[in-house]
């Protein structure tokens, strides 16, 4: 066994199997585990996926939402233990892989058309 096969076998133990198929433009709700004192709770972060990166154990998504008039972006490692669950709420029609142009838009201009050809 070479080194790359050993790395893949170790990574395979930590991969999540219950993740949905996610595309750029989708509206998702990511449940994030938050530690407050001795308690742990799951806080949802809902927004539009503007970028997907890498693959395998390093796969990540960038989710953008508007909170009190300010754009907030968070990057989530999909296979990290902090990410409790991901739910696709709506499929968006996007013609490119990275939707960074949405950063320059305000209000209703940030909306994407809904896509019905892919199941949720």
N, C-alpha and C. Protein backbone atom coordinates (compact mmCIF):
# COMPACT_ATOMS: atom_id res chain seq x y z
N UNK A 1 0.84 -1.20 0.00
CA UNK A 1 0.00 0.00 0.00
C UNK A 1 0.88 1.25 0.00
N UNK A 2 0.56 2.14 -0.90
CA UNK A 2 1.31 3.38 -0.89
C UNK A 2 0.64 4.40 0.04
N UNK A 3 1.25 5.54 0.18
CA UNK A 3 0.80 6.55 1.13
C UNK A 3 -0.59 7.08 0.80
N UNK A 4 -0.87 7.30 -0.49
CA UNK A 4 -2.16 7.86 -0.88
C UNK A 4 -3.31 6.92 -0.56
N UNK A 5 -3.11 5.63 -0.70
CA UNK A 5 -4.16 4.66 -0.35
C UNK A 5 -4.41 4.64 1.15
N UNK A 6 -3.37 4.79 1.93
CA UNK A 6 -3.52 4.83 3.39
C UNK A 6 -4.30 6.08 3.79
N UNK A 7 -3.97 7.21 3.19
CA UNK A 7 -4.68 8.46 3.50
C UNK A 7 -6.15 8.34 3.13
N UNK A 8 -6.46 7.80 1.96
CA UNK A 8 -7.86 7.63 1.54
C UNK A 8 -8.63 6.72 2.48
N UNK A 9 -7.99 5.66 2.95
CA UNK A 9 -8.68 4.73 3.85
C UNK A 9 -8.98 5.37 5.20
N UNK A 10 -8.08 6.22 5.69
CA UNK A 10 -8.32 6.92 6.95
C UNK A 10 -9.42 7.96 6.77
N UNK A 11 -9.38 8.68 5.65
CA UNK A 11 -10.41 9.69 5.38
C UNK A 11 -11.78 9.07 5.20
N UNK A 12 -11.85 7.87 4.62
CA UNK A 12 -13.13 7.21 4.36
C UNK A 12 -13.90 6.94 5.64
N UNK A 13 -13.21 6.77 6.75
CA UNK A 13 -13.88 6.52 8.03
C UNK A 13 -14.66 7.74 8.50
N UNK A 14 -14.22 8.94 8.10
CA UNK A 14 -14.82 10.17 8.59
C UNK A 14 -15.80 10.82 7.61
N UNK A 15 -15.96 10.26 6.43
CA UNK A 15 -16.88 10.82 5.45
C UNK A 15 -18.32 10.59 5.88
N UNK A 16 -19.15 11.62 5.72
CA UNK A 16 -20.59 11.48 6.00
C UNK A 16 -21.27 10.90 4.77
N UNK A 17 -22.25 10.05 4.99
CA UNK A 17 -22.95 9.41 3.88
C UNK A 17 -24.35 9.98 3.65
N UNK A 18 -24.86 10.77 4.58
CA UNK A 18 -26.24 11.24 4.49
C UNK A 18 -26.36 12.66 3.94
N UNK A 19 -25.33 13.15 3.24
CA UNK A 19 -25.37 14.50 2.70
C UNK A 19 -26.16 14.55 1.39
N UNK A 20 -26.97 15.59 1.20
CA UNK A 20 -27.70 15.72 -0.08
C UNK A 20 -26.76 16.21 -1.18
N UNK A 21 -27.22 16.11 -2.42
CA UNK A 21 -26.46 16.64 -3.55
C UNK A 21 -26.72 18.14 -3.61
N UNK A 22 -25.65 18.92 -3.58
CA UNK A 22 -25.75 20.38 -3.49
C UNK A 22 -25.12 21.00 -4.74
N UNK A 23 -25.78 22.02 -5.28
CA UNK A 23 -25.29 22.77 -6.43
C UNK A 23 -25.21 24.24 -6.07
N UNK A 24 -24.43 25.01 -6.82
CA UNK A 24 -24.39 26.46 -6.64
C UNK A 24 -25.76 27.02 -6.98
N UNK A 25 -26.24 27.93 -6.17
CA UNK A 25 -27.56 28.54 -6.37
C UNK A 25 -28.63 27.95 -5.48
N UNK A 26 -28.36 26.82 -4.85
CA UNK A 26 -29.36 26.19 -3.97
C UNK A 26 -29.49 26.98 -2.68
N UNK A 27 -30.70 27.01 -2.15
CA UNK A 27 -30.92 27.57 -0.82
C UNK A 27 -30.90 26.42 0.16
N UNK A 28 -30.01 26.50 1.14
CA UNK A 28 -29.83 25.40 2.09
C UNK A 28 -29.97 25.90 3.52
N UNK A 29 -30.29 24.95 4.40
CA UNK A 29 -30.30 25.21 5.84
C UNK A 29 -29.27 24.29 6.47
N UNK A 30 -28.22 24.88 7.02
CA UNK A 30 -27.13 24.12 7.62
C UNK A 30 -27.30 24.17 9.13
N UNK A 31 -27.40 23.02 9.76
CA UNK A 31 -27.48 22.94 11.22
C UNK A 31 -26.07 22.89 11.79
N UNK A 32 -25.70 23.92 12.57
CA UNK A 32 -24.36 24.03 13.13
C UNK A 32 -24.42 23.78 14.63
N UNK A 33 -23.54 22.91 15.11
CA UNK A 33 -23.48 22.63 16.55
C UNK A 33 -22.77 23.79 17.25
N UNK A 34 -23.45 24.37 18.26
CA UNK A 34 -22.93 25.49 19.03
C UNK A 34 -22.78 25.05 20.47
N UNK A 35 -21.61 25.32 21.05
CA UNK A 35 -21.35 24.97 22.45
C UNK A 35 -21.49 26.25 23.28
N UNK A 36 -22.42 26.23 24.24
CA UNK A 36 -22.62 27.38 25.13
C UNK A 36 -22.56 26.87 26.55
N UNK A 37 -21.48 27.20 27.23
CA UNK A 37 -21.30 26.69 28.58
C UNK A 37 -21.15 25.19 28.53
N UNK A 38 -21.98 24.48 29.27
CA UNK A 38 -21.95 23.02 29.25
C UNK A 38 -22.96 22.42 28.31
N UNK A 39 -23.76 23.28 27.67
CA UNK A 39 -24.82 22.78 26.81
C UNK A 39 -24.42 22.87 25.34
N UNK A 40 -25.02 22.00 24.54
CA UNK A 40 -24.81 22.04 23.10
C UNK A 40 -26.15 22.12 22.41
N UNK A 41 -26.23 22.97 21.40
CA UNK A 41 -27.48 23.09 20.64
C UNK A 41 -27.15 23.20 19.17
N UNK A 42 -28.17 23.06 18.33
CA UNK A 42 -27.99 23.15 16.89
C UNK A 42 -28.64 24.44 16.41
N UNK A 43 -27.82 25.30 15.77
CA UNK A 43 -28.30 26.58 15.28
C UNK A 43 -28.35 26.53 13.76
N UNK A 44 -29.51 26.83 13.15
CA UNK A 44 -29.59 26.79 11.69
C UNK A 44 -29.00 28.06 11.06
N UNK A 45 -28.35 27.88 9.92
CA UNK A 45 -27.84 28.98 9.11
C UNK A 45 -28.39 28.76 7.71
N UNK A 46 -29.28 29.65 7.28
CA UNK A 46 -29.98 29.47 6.01
C UNK A 46 -29.51 30.52 5.02
N UNK A 47 -29.19 30.07 3.80
CA UNK A 47 -28.75 31.01 2.78
C UNK A 47 -28.53 30.32 1.45
N UNK A 48 -27.97 31.07 0.51
CA UNK A 48 -27.73 30.59 -0.84
C UNK A 48 -26.29 30.11 -0.98
N UNK A 49 -26.12 28.96 -1.60
CA UNK A 49 -24.78 28.43 -1.85
C UNK A 49 -24.19 29.21 -3.02
N UNK A 50 -23.06 29.89 -2.75
CA UNK A 50 -22.44 30.67 -3.83
C UNK A 50 -21.17 30.00 -4.35
N UNK A 51 -20.66 29.00 -3.64
CA UNK A 51 -19.44 28.32 -4.11
C UNK A 51 -19.32 26.94 -3.48
N UNK A 52 -18.81 26.00 -4.26
CA UNK A 52 -18.45 24.66 -3.78
C UNK A 52 -16.96 24.49 -4.06
N UNK A 53 -16.24 23.87 -3.12
CA UNK A 53 -14.81 23.71 -3.29
C UNK A 53 -14.37 22.30 -2.96
N UNK A 54 -13.31 21.87 -3.63
CA UNK A 54 -12.61 20.62 -3.35
C UNK A 54 -13.52 19.40 -3.46
N UNK A 55 -13.11 18.32 -2.83
CA UNK A 55 -13.86 17.08 -2.87
C UNK A 55 -13.38 16.18 -1.75
N UNK A 56 -14.08 15.09 -1.55
CA UNK A 56 -13.69 14.15 -0.50
C UNK A 56 -13.87 14.76 0.88
N UNK A 57 -12.90 14.52 1.74
CA UNK A 57 -12.98 14.99 3.13
C UNK A 57 -12.86 16.51 3.21
N UNK A 58 -12.24 17.15 2.21
CA UNK A 58 -12.03 18.59 2.22
C UNK A 58 -13.14 19.38 1.56
N UNK A 59 -14.23 18.74 1.19
CA UNK A 59 -15.31 19.41 0.47
C UNK A 59 -15.95 20.49 1.34
N UNK A 60 -16.13 21.68 0.76
CA UNK A 60 -16.72 22.78 1.52
C UNK A 60 -17.67 23.57 0.63
N UNK A 61 -18.61 24.27 1.29
CA UNK A 61 -19.54 25.15 0.60
C UNK A 61 -19.49 26.53 1.26
N UNK A 62 -19.71 27.55 0.46
CA UNK A 62 -19.83 28.91 0.97
C UNK A 62 -21.29 29.31 0.87
N UNK A 63 -21.88 29.67 2.01
CA UNK A 63 -23.29 30.01 2.08
C UNK A 63 -23.41 31.50 2.43
N UNK A 64 -24.25 32.21 1.68
CA UNK A 64 -24.42 33.65 1.88
C UNK A 64 -25.87 33.96 2.23
N UNK A 65 -26.04 34.85 3.18
CA UNK A 65 -27.37 35.35 3.53
C UNK A 65 -27.26 36.81 3.91
N UNK A 66 -28.40 37.49 3.92
CA UNK A 66 -28.45 38.89 4.33
C UNK A 66 -29.05 38.92 5.73
N UNK A 67 -28.31 39.49 6.67
CA UNK A 67 -28.78 39.58 8.05
C UNK A 67 -28.73 41.04 8.48
N UNK A 68 -29.89 41.63 8.76
CA UNK A 68 -30.05 43.02 9.16
C UNK A 68 -29.36 43.97 8.16
N UNK A 69 -29.54 43.68 6.87
CA UNK A 69 -29.02 44.54 5.83
C UNK A 69 -27.55 44.35 5.50
N UNK A 70 -26.90 43.39 6.15
CA UNK A 70 -25.48 43.14 5.93
C UNK A 70 -25.31 41.72 5.39
N UNK A 71 -24.51 41.57 4.35
CA UNK A 71 -24.26 40.25 3.79
C UNK A 71 -23.32 39.46 4.70
N UNK A 72 -23.71 38.23 5.02
CA UNK A 72 -22.91 37.36 5.87
C UNK A 72 -22.62 36.09 5.09
N UNK A 73 -21.35 35.72 5.01
CA UNK A 73 -20.95 34.49 4.34
C UNK A 73 -20.24 33.59 5.32
N UNK A 74 -20.57 32.31 5.26
CA UNK A 74 -19.88 31.33 6.09
C UNK A 74 -19.44 30.17 5.22
N UNK A 75 -18.27 29.65 5.51
CA UNK A 75 -17.75 28.49 4.80
C UNK A 75 -17.90 27.29 5.72
N UNK A 76 -18.52 26.23 5.21
CA UNK A 76 -18.75 25.02 5.99
C UNK A 76 -18.02 23.85 5.37
N UNK A 77 -17.22 23.16 6.16
CA UNK A 77 -16.65 21.89 5.74
C UNK A 77 -17.76 20.85 5.90
N UNK A 78 -18.15 20.21 4.82
CA UNK A 78 -19.32 19.34 4.85
C UNK A 78 -19.15 18.14 5.77
N UNK A 79 -17.94 17.62 5.88
CA UNK A 79 -17.72 16.41 6.66
C UNK A 79 -17.22 16.71 8.07
N UNK A 80 -17.26 17.98 8.49
CA UNK A 80 -16.80 18.36 9.84
C UNK A 80 -17.83 17.95 10.88
N UNK A 81 -17.40 17.61 12.08
CA UNK A 81 -18.35 17.25 13.13
C UNK A 81 -19.23 18.41 13.60
N UNK A 82 -18.82 19.65 13.36
CA UNK A 82 -19.63 20.81 13.74
C UNK A 82 -20.91 20.92 12.89
N UNK A 83 -20.88 20.41 11.68
CA UNK A 83 -22.05 20.46 10.80
C UNK A 83 -22.94 19.26 11.14
N UNK A 84 -24.10 19.55 11.74
CA UNK A 84 -25.00 18.49 12.17
C UNK A 84 -25.78 17.93 10.99
N UNK A 85 -26.39 18.82 10.20
CA UNK A 85 -27.18 18.35 9.06
C UNK A 85 -27.28 19.48 8.03
N UNK A 86 -27.59 19.08 6.81
CA UNK A 86 -27.78 20.03 5.72
C UNK A 86 -29.07 19.64 5.00
N UNK A 87 -29.92 20.64 4.79
CA UNK A 87 -31.18 20.38 4.09
C UNK A 87 -31.30 21.36 2.93
N UNK A 88 -31.58 20.84 1.74
CA UNK A 88 -31.79 21.68 0.57
C UNK A 88 -33.25 22.11 0.58
N UNK A 89 -33.49 23.42 0.65
CA UNK A 89 -34.85 23.95 0.70
C UNK A 89 -35.38 24.29 -0.68
N UNK A 90 -34.48 24.70 -1.58
CA UNK A 90 -34.90 25.20 -2.88
C UNK A 90 -33.74 25.07 -3.85
N UNK A 91 -34.02 24.66 -5.06
CA UNK A 91 -32.99 24.57 -6.10
C UNK A 91 -32.99 25.87 -6.88
N UNK A 92 -31.82 26.45 -7.09
CA UNK A 92 -31.71 27.71 -7.82
C UNK A 92 -31.12 27.49 -9.21
N UNK A 93 -31.54 28.29 -10.15
CA UNK A 93 -31.06 28.18 -11.52
C UNK A 93 -29.83 29.06 -11.68
N UNK A 94 -28.65 28.43 -11.77
CA UNK A 94 -27.40 29.16 -11.92
C UNK A 94 -26.66 28.62 -13.14
N UNK A 95 -26.04 29.51 -13.89
CA UNK A 95 -25.34 29.09 -15.10
C UNK A 95 -23.83 29.10 -14.92
N UNK A 96 -23.39 29.29 -13.69
CA UNK A 96 -21.96 29.24 -13.44
C UNK A 96 -21.68 28.59 -12.10
N UNK A 97 -20.44 28.22 -11.87
CA UNK A 97 -20.06 27.46 -10.68
C UNK A 97 -19.91 28.34 -9.45
N UNK A 98 -19.43 29.55 -9.63
CA UNK A 98 -19.23 30.47 -8.51
C UNK A 98 -20.14 31.67 -8.71
N UNK A 99 -20.92 32.00 -7.69
CA UNK A 99 -21.90 33.08 -7.80
C UNK A 99 -21.46 34.30 -7.01
N UNK A 100 -20.18 34.67 -7.16
CA UNK A 100 -19.65 35.81 -6.42
C UNK A 100 -20.28 37.13 -6.85
N UNK A 101 -20.91 37.17 -8.01
CA UNK A 101 -21.55 38.39 -8.48
C UNK A 101 -22.73 38.78 -7.59
N UNK A 102 -23.26 37.85 -6.81
CA UNK A 102 -24.38 38.16 -5.91
C UNK A 102 -23.95 39.10 -4.79
N UNK A 103 -22.65 39.19 -4.52
CA UNK A 103 -22.15 40.08 -3.47
C UNK A 103 -22.42 41.54 -3.80
N UNK A 104 -22.44 41.87 -5.08
CA UNK A 104 -22.63 43.26 -5.51
C UNK A 104 -24.09 43.64 -5.65
N UNK A 105 -24.98 42.69 -5.47
CA UNK A 105 -26.41 42.96 -5.68
C UNK A 105 -27.11 43.22 -4.35
N UNK A 106 -28.21 43.99 -4.43
CA UNK A 106 -28.94 44.39 -3.23
C UNK A 106 -30.41 44.03 -3.39
N UNK A 107 -31.03 43.57 -2.34
CA UNK A 107 -32.47 43.35 -2.30
C UNK A 107 -32.94 42.22 -3.19
N UNK A 108 -33.98 42.51 -3.98
CA UNK A 108 -34.58 41.48 -4.81
C UNK A 108 -33.68 41.03 -5.95
N UNK A 109 -32.66 41.79 -6.27
CA UNK A 109 -31.74 41.43 -7.35
C UNK A 109 -30.90 40.21 -6.99
N UNK A 110 -30.86 39.85 -5.71
CA UNK A 110 -30.06 38.69 -5.29
C UNK A 110 -30.81 37.38 -5.48
N UNK A 111 -32.09 37.46 -5.83
CA UNK A 111 -32.87 36.23 -5.98
C UNK A 111 -32.52 35.50 -7.27
N UNK A 112 -32.57 34.17 -7.21
CA UNK A 112 -32.36 33.33 -8.39
C UNK A 112 -33.67 32.65 -8.74
N UNK A 113 -33.86 32.36 -10.02
CA UNK A 113 -35.06 31.62 -10.42
C UNK A 113 -35.00 30.22 -9.85
N UNK A 114 -36.17 29.66 -9.56
CA UNK A 114 -36.21 28.30 -9.01
C UNK A 114 -36.06 27.27 -10.11
N UNK A 115 -35.41 26.18 -9.78
CA UNK A 115 -35.17 25.11 -10.74
C UNK A 115 -36.01 23.90 -10.31
N UNK A 116 -36.74 23.33 -11.25
CA UNK A 116 -37.64 22.24 -10.93
C UNK A 116 -37.20 20.90 -11.51
N UNK A 117 -36.13 20.88 -12.30
CA UNK A 117 -35.74 19.64 -12.96
C UNK A 117 -34.93 18.71 -12.05
N UNK A 118 -34.38 19.22 -10.95
CA UNK A 118 -33.62 18.38 -10.02
C UNK A 118 -34.44 18.16 -8.77
N UNK A 119 -34.55 16.95 -8.28
CA UNK A 119 -35.33 16.72 -7.05
C UNK A 119 -34.59 17.27 -5.83
N UNK A 120 -35.36 17.64 -4.83
CA UNK A 120 -34.77 18.18 -3.59
C UNK A 120 -34.33 17.06 -2.68
